[in-house]
């Protein structure tokens, strides 16, 4: 968030926003983006009223957080690392419910807003109908690669947590995430129009 906002923790941000309903703006790279939905879910769970300001991409949203046109936004660590180090923005918390090795002193939002977890994720999929022996072989090799200390270190530097598992684990995660984000889309009132 912009450092001019007088809050040094998630609890202080929530108290600040509750005292000023509808006066705190949050930016995103566009309506329906994962970062828009993360902020909307945060506002709903924290019981605060913030105004969404959608941009055509993350760069203009970041520019307006830096200038103070909007006060808050959710973003990934890689994008904001230089601004955080330079003191141009204040990082209050991690949206994942797991702390990042690169930011060990940064709390999670869930420490203040129980159950909050809006982390982004990436995965590797094969086309429907790919034989299970091929899927299992790919899964084993990908998991082996992700266990490599050099690869893990590089992901750590980028603020990315590695989750290894089986194709079934990933399928369950996709189903769970689809349900979670479907609720967020409804709550944020995002439509195709």
Foldseek 3Di string as FASTA:
>chain_A
DAPVPPDQALVRVLVSQQVPAAPAEEEDLAPPDLFQLLVLVLCVLSVGHYHYDYHNGDVVRVVCCLVVVHPHTDDFCQVCVVCCVVVSHHDHADQACDDAPVCNPHHHVCVVRPPGHSDDDDDDDDDPPDDPVVQQVVLVVVVVVCPPPVNVVVCSVRRHDDDHDHPVVVVVVVVVVVVVSVVSCVSSVDDPD
